[in-house]
Amino acid sequence: MPSLNDSRPGTTVRITGIDPGQAGGSRRRLLEFGFVPGADVTVIARGATGGLLVGLGDTRVALDTRTAGRLRCAG
């Protein structure tokens, strides 16, 4: 299943889950931000080191490559 890290800027994907390997605190923080199954996320930009700036509702969130790679998505 592709991860958010596989998405290109300008695309919108739907979160299908968080890799179960994600440490408990980080996983909980992602869920609190709204990265829940069924949420639509738009990739706005990719940084020089591969991190992503994403739009989640009215919020913009910067994710490092490792974290973005643990968010499973479709679409």
PDB file of N, CA and C in Angstrom:
ATOM      1  N   MET A   1       0.858  -1.170   0.000  1.00  0.00           N
ATOM      2  CA  MET A   1       0.000   0.000   0.000  1.00  0.00           C
ATOM      3  C   MET A   1       0.908   1.238   0.000  1.00  0.00           C
ATOM      4  N   PRO A   2       0.622   2.181  -0.873  1.00  0.00           N
ATOM      5  CA  PRO A   2       1.494   3.370  -0.947  1.00  0.00           C
ATOM      6  C   PRO A   2       1.418   4.219   0.326  1.00  0.00           C
ATOM      7  N   SER A   3       2.482   4.965   0.521  1.00  0.00           N
ATOM      8  CA  SER A   3       2.516   5.871   1.666  1.00  0.00           C
ATOM      9  C   SER A   3       2.336   7.306   1.174  1.00  0.00           C
ATOM     10  N   LEU A   4       2.104   8.216   2.085  1.00  0.00           N
ATOM     11  CA  LEU A   4       1.981   9.627   1.735  1.00  0.00           C
ATOM     12  C   LEU A   4       3.257  10.119   1.082  1.00  0.00           C
ATOM     13  N   ASN A   5       4.358   9.519   1.466  1.00  0.00           N
ATOM     14  CA  ASN A   5       5.659   9.908   0.917  1.00  0.00           C
ATOM     15  C   ASN A   5       5.761   9.656  -0.591  1.00  0.00           C
ATOM     16  N   ASP A   6       4.932   8.773  -1.115  1.00  0.00           N
ATOM     17  CA  ASP A   6       4.937   8.448  -2.544  1.00  0.00           C
ATOM     18  C   ASP A   6       4.131   9.447  -3.372  1.00  0.00           C
ATOM     19  N   SER A   7       3.452  10.367  -2.736  1.00  0.00           N
ATOM     20  CA  SER A   7       2.569  11.303  -3.440  1.00  0.00           C
ATOM     21  C   SER A   7       3.325  12.526  -3.933  1.00  0.00           C
ATOM     22  N   ARG A   8       2.887  13.021  -5.056  1.00  0.00           N
ATOM     23  CA  ARG A   8       3.504  14.213  -5.647  1.00  0.00           C
ATOM     24  C   ARG A   8       2.788  15.480  -5.194  1.00  0.00           C
ATOM     25  N   PRO A   9       3.493  16.601  -5.191  1.00  0.00           N
ATOM     26  CA  PRO A   9       2.833  17.876  -4.884  1.00  0.00           C
ATOM     27  C   PRO A   9       1.674  18.132  -5.849  1.00  0.00           C
ATOM     28  N   GLY A  10       0.579  18.608  -5.299  1.00  0.00           N
ATOM     29  CA  GLY A  10      -0.605  18.892  -6.092  1.00  0.00           C
ATOM     30  C   GLY A  10      -1.642  17.781  -6.060  1.00  0.00           C
ATOM     31  N   THR A  11      -1.295  16.640  -5.492  1.00  0.00           N
ATOM     32  CA  THR A  11      -2.248  15.538  -5.441  1.00  0.00           C
ATOM     33  C   THR A  11      -2.955  15.492  -4.092  1.00  0.00           C
ATOM     34  N   THR A  12      -4.166  14.977  -4.126  1.00  0.00           N
ATOM     35  CA  THR A  12      -4.936  14.763  -2.906  1.00  0.00           C
ATOM     36  C   THR A  12      -5.145  13.268  -2.743  1.00  0.00           C
ATOM     37  N   VAL A  13      -4.851  12.783  -1.554  1.00  0.00           N
ATOM     38  CA  VAL A  13      -4.982  11.356  -1.260  1.00  0.00           C
ATOM     39  C   VAL A  13      -5.824  11.191   0.002  1.00  0.00           C
ATOM     40  N   ARG A  14      -6.305   9.989   0.209  1.00  0.00           N
ATOM     41  CA  ARG A  14      -7.092   9.675   1.408  1.00  0.00           C
ATOM     42  C   ARG A  14      -6.263   8.785   2.331  1.00  0.00           C
ATOM     43  N   ILE A  15      -6.189   9.169   3.578  1.00  0.00           N
ATOM     44  CA  ILE A  15      -5.450   8.384   4.560  1.00  0.00           C
ATOM     45  C   ILE A  15      -6.215   7.084   4.824  1.00  0.00           C
ATOM     46  N   THR A  16      -5.493   5.955   4.753  1.00  0.00           N
ATOM     47  CA  THR A  16      -6.122   4.665   5.043  1.00  0.00           C
ATOM     48  C   THR A  16      -5.633   4.078   6.360  1.00  0.00           C
ATOM     49  N   GLY A  17      -4.535   4.609   6.888  1.00  0.00           N
ATOM     50  CA  GLY A  17      -4.048   4.109   8.163  1.00  0.00           C
ATOM     51  C   GLY A  17      -2.656   4.615   8.467  1.00  0.00           C
ATOM     52  N   ILE A  18      -2.199   4.264   9.651  1.00  0.00           N
ATOM     53  CA  ILE A  18      -0.847   4.610  10.084  1.00  0.00           C
ATOM     54  C   ILE A  18      -0.109   3.311  10.297  1.00  0.00           C
ATOM     55  N   ASP A  19       1.115   3.235   9.753  1.00  0.00           N
ATOM     56  CA  ASP A  19       1.936   2.040   9.901  1.00  0.00           C
ATOM     57  C   ASP A  19       1.975   1.634  11.364  1.00  0.00           C
ATOM     58  N   PRO A  20       1.662   0.379  11.654  1.00  0.00           N
ATOM     59  CA  PRO A  20       1.653  -0.045  13.049  1.00  0.00           C
ATOM     60  C   PRO A  20       3.018   0.039  13.707  1.00  0.00           C
ATOM     61  N   GLY A  21       4.075   0.208  12.925  1.00  0.00           N
ATOM     62  CA  GLY A  21       5.404   0.340  13.490  1.00  0.00           C
ATOM     63  C   GLY A  21       5.638   1.705  14.114  1.00  0.00           C
ATOM     64  N   GLN A  22       4.706   2.632  13.901  1.00  0.00           N
ATOM     65  CA  GLN A  22       4.844   3.982  14.448  1.00  0.00           C
ATOM     66  C   GLN A  22       4.820   3.943  15.967  1.00  0.00           C
ATOM     67  N   ALA A  23       5.770   4.597  16.588  1.00  0.00           N
ATOM     68  CA  ALA A  23       5.820   4.644  18.042  1.00  0.00           C
ATOM     69  C   ALA A  23       4.535   5.249  18.592  1.00  0.00           C
ATOM     70  N   GLY A  24       4.096   4.804  19.749  1.00  0.00           N
ATOM     71  CA  GLY A  24       2.818   5.205  20.319  1.00  0.00           C
ATOM     72  C   GLY A  24       2.597   6.691  20.408  1.00  0.00           C
ATOM     73  N   GLY A  25       3.578   7.449  20.913  1.00  0.00           N
ATOM     74  CA  GLY A  25       3.408   8.888  21.068  1.00  0.00           C
ATOM     75  C   GLY A  25       3.273   9.604  19.747  1.00  0.00           C
ATOM     76  N   SER A  26       4.077   9.217  18.777  1.00  0.00           N
ATOM     77  CA  SER A  26       4.012   9.847  17.454  1.00  0.00           C
ATOM     78  C   SER A  26       2.705   9.500  16.757  1.00  0.00           C
ATOM     79  N   ARG A  27       2.276   8.260  16.894  1.00  0.00           N
ATOM     80  CA  ARG A  27       1.019   7.834  16.284  1.00  0.00           C
ATOM     81  C   ARG A  27      -0.141   8.638  16.874  1.00  0.00           C
ATOM     82  N   ARG A  28      -0.145   8.761  18.166  1.00  0.00           N
ATOM     83  CA  ARG A  28      -1.214   9.518  18.821  1.00  0.00           C
ATOM     84  C   ARG A  28      -1.215  10.976  18.359  1.00  0.00           C
ATOM     85  N   ARG A  29      -0.028  11.563  18.228  1.00  0.00           N
ATOM     86  CA  ARG A  29       0.073  12.958  17.791  1.00  0.00           C
ATOM     87  C   ARG A  29      -0.476  13.109  16.372  1.00  0.00           C
ATOM     88  N   LEU A  30      -0.163  12.160  15.488  1.00  0.00           N
ATOM     89  CA  LEU A  30      -0.705  12.215  14.126  1.00  0.00           C
ATOM     90  C   LEU A  30      -2.232  12.130  14.146  1.00  0.00           C
ATOM     91  N   LEU A  31      -2.758  11.248  14.969  1.00  0.00           N
ATOM     92  CA  LEU A  31      -4.217  11.119  15.078  1.00  0.00           C
ATOM     93  C   LEU A  31      -4.833  12.407  15.604  1.00  0.00           C
ATOM     94  N   GLU A  32      -4.172  13.045  16.579  1.00  0.00           N
ATOM     95  CA  GLU A  32      -4.683  14.304  17.127  1.00  0.00           C
ATOM     96  C   GLU A  32      -4.667  15.429  16.092  1.00  0.00           C
ATOM     97  N   PHE A  33      -3.692  15.400  15.187  1.00  0.00           N
ATOM     98  CA  PHE A  33      -3.648  16.400  14.114  1.00  0.00           C
ATOM     99  C   PHE A  33      -4.769  16.176  13.103  1.00  0.00           C
ATOM    100  N   GLY A  34      -5.315  14.979  13.070  1.00  0.00           N
ATOM    101  CA  GLY A  34      -6.387  14.674  12.136  1.00  0.00           C
ATOM    102  C   GLY A  34      -6.011  13.705  11.037  1.00  0.00           C
ATOM    103  N   PHE A  35      -4.850  13.102  11.141  1.00  0.00           N
ATOM    104  CA  PHE A  35      -4.439  12.090  10.158  1.00  0.00           C
ATOM    105  C   PHE A  35      -5.114  10.769  10.514  1.00  0.00           C
ATOM    106  N   VAL A  36      -6.405  10.730  10.314  1.00  0.00           N
ATOM    107  CA  VAL A  36      -7.209   9.560  10.654  1.00  0.00           C
ATOM    108  C   VAL A  36      -7.674   8.895   9.355  1.00  0.00           C
ATOM    109  N   PRO A  37      -7.978   7.604   9.394  1.00  0.00           N
ATOM    110  CA  PRO A  37      -8.481   6.947   8.190  1.00  0.00           C
ATOM    111  C   PRO A  37      -9.703   7.680   7.634  1.00  0.00           C
ATOM    112  N   GLY A  38      -9.667   7.926   6.339  1.00  0.00           N
ATOM    113  CA  GLY A  38     -10.754   8.627   5.658  1.00  0.00           C
ATOM    114  C   GLY A  38     -10.489  10.107   5.444  1.00  0.00           C
ATOM    115  N   ALA A  39      -9.464  10.654   6.105  1.00  0.00           N
ATOM    116  CA  ALA A  39      -9.146  12.077   5.944  1.00  0.00           C
ATOM    117  C   ALA A  39      -8.461  12.313   4.600  1.00  0.00           C
ATOM    118  N   ASP A  40      -8.863  13.381   3.925  1.00  0.00           N
ATOM    119  CA  ASP A  40      -8.223  13.763   2.663  1.00  0.00           C
ATOM    120  C   ASP A  40      -7.076  14.719   2.950  1.00  0.00           C
ATOM    121  N   VAL A  41      -5.924  14.444   2.337  1.00  0.00           N
ATOM    122  CA  VAL A  41      -4.708  15.233   2.533  1.00  0.00           C
ATOM    123  C   VAL A  41      -4.191  15.665   1.169  1.00  0.00           C
ATOM    124  N   THR A  42      -3.894  16.947   1.031  1.00  0.00           N
ATOM    125  CA  THR A  42      -3.322  17.458  -0.206  1.00  0.00           C
ATOM    126  C   THR A  42      -1.841  17.746   0.001  1.00  0.00           C
ATOM    127  N   VAL A  43      -1.020  17.201  -0.876  1.00  0.00           N
ATOM    128  CA  VAL A  43       0.423  17.463  -0.808  1.00  0.00           C
ATOM    129  C   VAL A  43       0.671  18.807  -1.483  1.00  0.00           C
ATOM    130  N   ILE A  44       1.163  19.766  -0.729  1.00  0.00           N
ATOM    131  CA  ILE A  44       1.377  21.118  -1.242  1.00  0.00           C
ATOM    132  C   ILE A  44       2.772  21.265  -1.830  1.00  0.00           C
ATOM    133  N   ALA A  45       3.764  20.771  -1.113  1.00  0.00           N
ATOM    134  CA  ALA A  45       5.146  20.912  -1.592  1.00  0.00           C
ATOM    135  C   ALA A  45       6.026  19.853  -0.958  1.00  0.00           C
ATOM    136  N   ARG A  46       7.144  19.610  -1.618  1.00  0.00           N
ATOM    137  CA  ARG A  46       8.156  18.704  -1.084  1.00  0.00           C
ATOM    138  C   ARG A  46       9.415  19.521  -0.852  1.00  0.00           C
ATOM    139  N   GLY A  47      10.010  19.369   0.330  1.00  0.00           N
ATOM    140  CA  GLY A  47      11.216  20.104   0.663  1.00  0.00           C
ATOM    141  C   GLY A  47      12.459  19.496   0.051  1.00  0.00           C
ATOM    142  N   ALA A  48      13.562  20.194   0.182  1.00  0.00           N
ATOM    143  CA  ALA A  48      14.827  19.740  -0.389  1.00  0.00           C
ATOM    144  C   ALA A  48      15.295  18.414   0.189  1.00  0.00           C
ATOM    145  N   THR A  49      14.929  18.131   1.447  1.00  0.00           N
ATOM    146  CA  THR A  49      15.339  16.870   2.066  1.00  0.00           C
ATOM    147  C   THR A  49      14.269  15.794   1.974  1.00  0.00           C
ATOM    148  N   GLY A  50      13.182  16.069   1.248  1.00  0.00           N
ATOM    149  CA  GLY A  50      12.141  15.072   1.028  1.00  0.00           C
ATOM    150  C   GLY A  50      10.929  15.206   1.914  1.00  0.00           C
ATOM    151  N   GLY A  51      10.979  16.066   2.909  1.00  0.00           N
ATOM    152  CA  GLY A  51       9.813  16.279   3.766  1.00  0.00           C
ATOM    153  C   GLY A  51       8.664  16.881   2.967  1.00  0.00           C
ATOM    154  N   LEU A  52       7.468  16.780   3.523  1.00  0.00           N
ATOM    155  CA  LEU A  52       6.283  17.261   2.820  1.00  0.00           C
ATOM    156  C   LEU A  52       5.580  18.362   3.606  1.00  0.00           C
ATOM    157  N   LEU A  53       5.038  19.319   2.867  1.00  0.00           N
ATOM    158  CA  LEU A  53       4.089  20.280   3.416  1.00  0.00           C
ATOM    159  C   LEU A  53       2.736  19.843   2.884  1.00  0.00           C
ATOM    160  N   VAL A  54       1.817  19.523   3.806  1.00  0.00           N
ATOM    161  CA  VAL A  54       0.524  19.006   3.393  1.00  0.00           C
ATOM    162  C   VAL A  54      -0.600  19.858   3.958  1.00  0.00           C
ATOM    163  N   GLY A  55      -1.714  19.828   3.271  1.00  0.00           N
ATOM    164  CA  GLY A  55      -2.921  20.493   3.727  1.00  0.00           C
ATOM    165  C   GLY A  55      -3.898  19.452   4.236  1.00  0.00           C
ATOM    166  N   LEU A  56      -4.387  19.680   5.421  1.00  0.00           N
ATOM    167  CA  LEU A  56      -5.358  18.776   6.049  1.00  0.00           C
ATOM    168  C   LEU A  56      -6.488  19.658   6.556  1.00  0.00           C
ATOM    169  N   GLY A  57      -7.565  19.740   5.809  1.00  0.00           N
ATOM    170  CA  GLY A  57      -8.623  20.690   6.126  1.00  0.00           C
ATOM    171  C   GLY A  57      -8.076  22.100   5.938  1.00  0.00           C
ATOM    172  N   ASP A  58      -8.254  22.946   6.942  1.00  0.00           N
ATOM    173  CA  ASP A  58      -7.747  24.319   6.875  1.00  0.00           C
ATOM    174  C   ASP A  58      -6.339  24.452   7.435  1.00  0.00           C
ATOM    175  N   THR A  59      -5.736  23.342   7.805  1.00  0.00           N
ATOM    176  CA  THR A  59      -4.439  23.342   8.465  1.00  0.00           C
ATOM    177  C   THR A  59      -3.332  22.918   7.505  1.00  0.00           C
ATOM    178  N   ARG A  60      -2.164  23.518   7.671  1.00  0.00           N
ATOM    179  CA  ARG A  60      -0.976  23.103   6.933  1.00  0.00           C
ATOM    180  C   ARG A  60      -0.036  22.448   7.928  1.00  0.00           C
ATOM    181  N   VAL A  61       0.507  21.296   7.550  1.00  0.00           N
ATOM    182  CA  VAL A  61       1.378  20.536   8.441  1.00  0.00           C
ATOM    183  C   VAL A  61       2.632  20.134   7.675  1.00  0.00           C
ATOM    184  N   ALA A  62       3.792  20.325   8.292  1.00  0.00           N
ATOM    185  CA  ALA A  62       5.054  19.861   7.708  1.00  0.00           C
ATOM    186  C   ALA A  62       5.391  18.507   8.318  1.00  0.00           C
ATOM    187  N   LEU A  63       5.692  17.541   7.457  1.00  0.00           N
ATOM    188  CA  LEU A  63       6.029  16.188   7.901  1.00  0.00           C
ATOM    189  C   LEU A  63       7.409  15.828   7.391  1.00  0.00           C
ATOM    190  N   ASP A  64       8.230  15.208   8.250  1.00  0.00           N
ATOM    191  CA  ASP A  64       9.514  14.719   7.748  1.00  0.00           C
ATOM    192  C   ASP A  64       9.283  13.445   6.931  1.00  0.00           C
ATOM    193  N   THR A  65      10.296  13.040   6.210  1.00  0.00           N
ATOM    194  CA  THR A  65      10.173  11.896   5.305  1.00  0.00           C
ATOM    195  C   THR A  65       9.759  10.630   6.048  1.00  0.00           C
ATOM    196  N   ARG A  66      10.337  10.417   7.193  1.00  0.00           N
ATOM    197  CA  ARG A  66      10.044   9.203   7.968  1.00  0.00           C
ATOM    198  C   ARG A  66       8.574   9.150   8.382  1.00  0.00           C
ATOM    199  N   THR A  67       8.059  10.255   8.877  1.00  0.00           N
ATOM    200  CA  THR A  67       6.663  10.289   9.317  1.00  0.00           C
ATOM    201  C   THR A  67       5.717  10.142   8.133  1.00  0.00           C
ATOM    202  N   ALA A  68       5.993  10.856   7.041  1.00  0.00           N
ATOM    203  CA  ALA A  68       5.137  10.755   5.848  1.00  0.00           C
ATOM    204  C   ALA A  68       5.137   9.331   5.306  1.00  0.00           C
ATOM    205  N   GLY A  69       6.249   8.630   5.454  1.00  0.00           N
ATOM    206  CA  GLY A  69       6.336   7.263   4.966  1.00  0.00           C
ATOM    207  C   GLY A  69       5.516   6.277   5.768  1.00  0.00           C
ATOM    208  N   ARG A  70       5.107   6.659   6.941  1.00  0.00           N
ATOM    209  CA  ARG A  70       4.312   5.761   7.779  1.00  0.00           C
ATOM    210  C   ARG A  70       2.812   5.985   7.654  1.00  0.00           C
ATOM    211  N   LEU A  71       2.436   7.024   6.919  1.00  0.00           N
ATOM    212  CA  LEU A  71       1.007   7.271   6.689  1.00  0.00           C
ATOM    213  C   LEU A  71       0.599   6.552   5.410  1.00  0.00           C
ATOM    214  N   ARG A  72      -0.249   5.565   5.523  1.00  0.00           N
ATOM    215  CA  ARG A  72      -0.733   4.800   4.369  1.00  0.00           C
ATOM    216  C   ARG A  72      -1.883   5.559   3.728  1.00  0.00           C
ATOM    217  N   CYS A  73      -1.927   5.527   2.385  1.00  0.00           N
ATOM    218  CA  CYS A  73      -2.953   6.295   1.686  1.00  0.00           C
ATOM    219  C   CYS A  73      -3.371   5.620   0.395  1.00  0.00           C
ATOM    220  N   ALA A  74      -4.452   6.102  -0.152  1.00  0.00           N
ATOM    221  CA  ALA A  74      -4.983   5.636  -1.424  1.00  0.00           C
ATOM    222  C   ALA A  74      -5.429   6.848  -2.212  1.00  0.00           C
ATOM    223  N   GLY A  75      -5.408   6.672  -3.499  1.00  0.00           N
ATOM    224  CA  GLY A  75      -6.004   7.691  -4.325  1.00  0.00           C
ATOM    225  C   GLY A  75      -5.102   8.607  -4.966  1.00  0.00           C
TER     226      GLY A  75
END
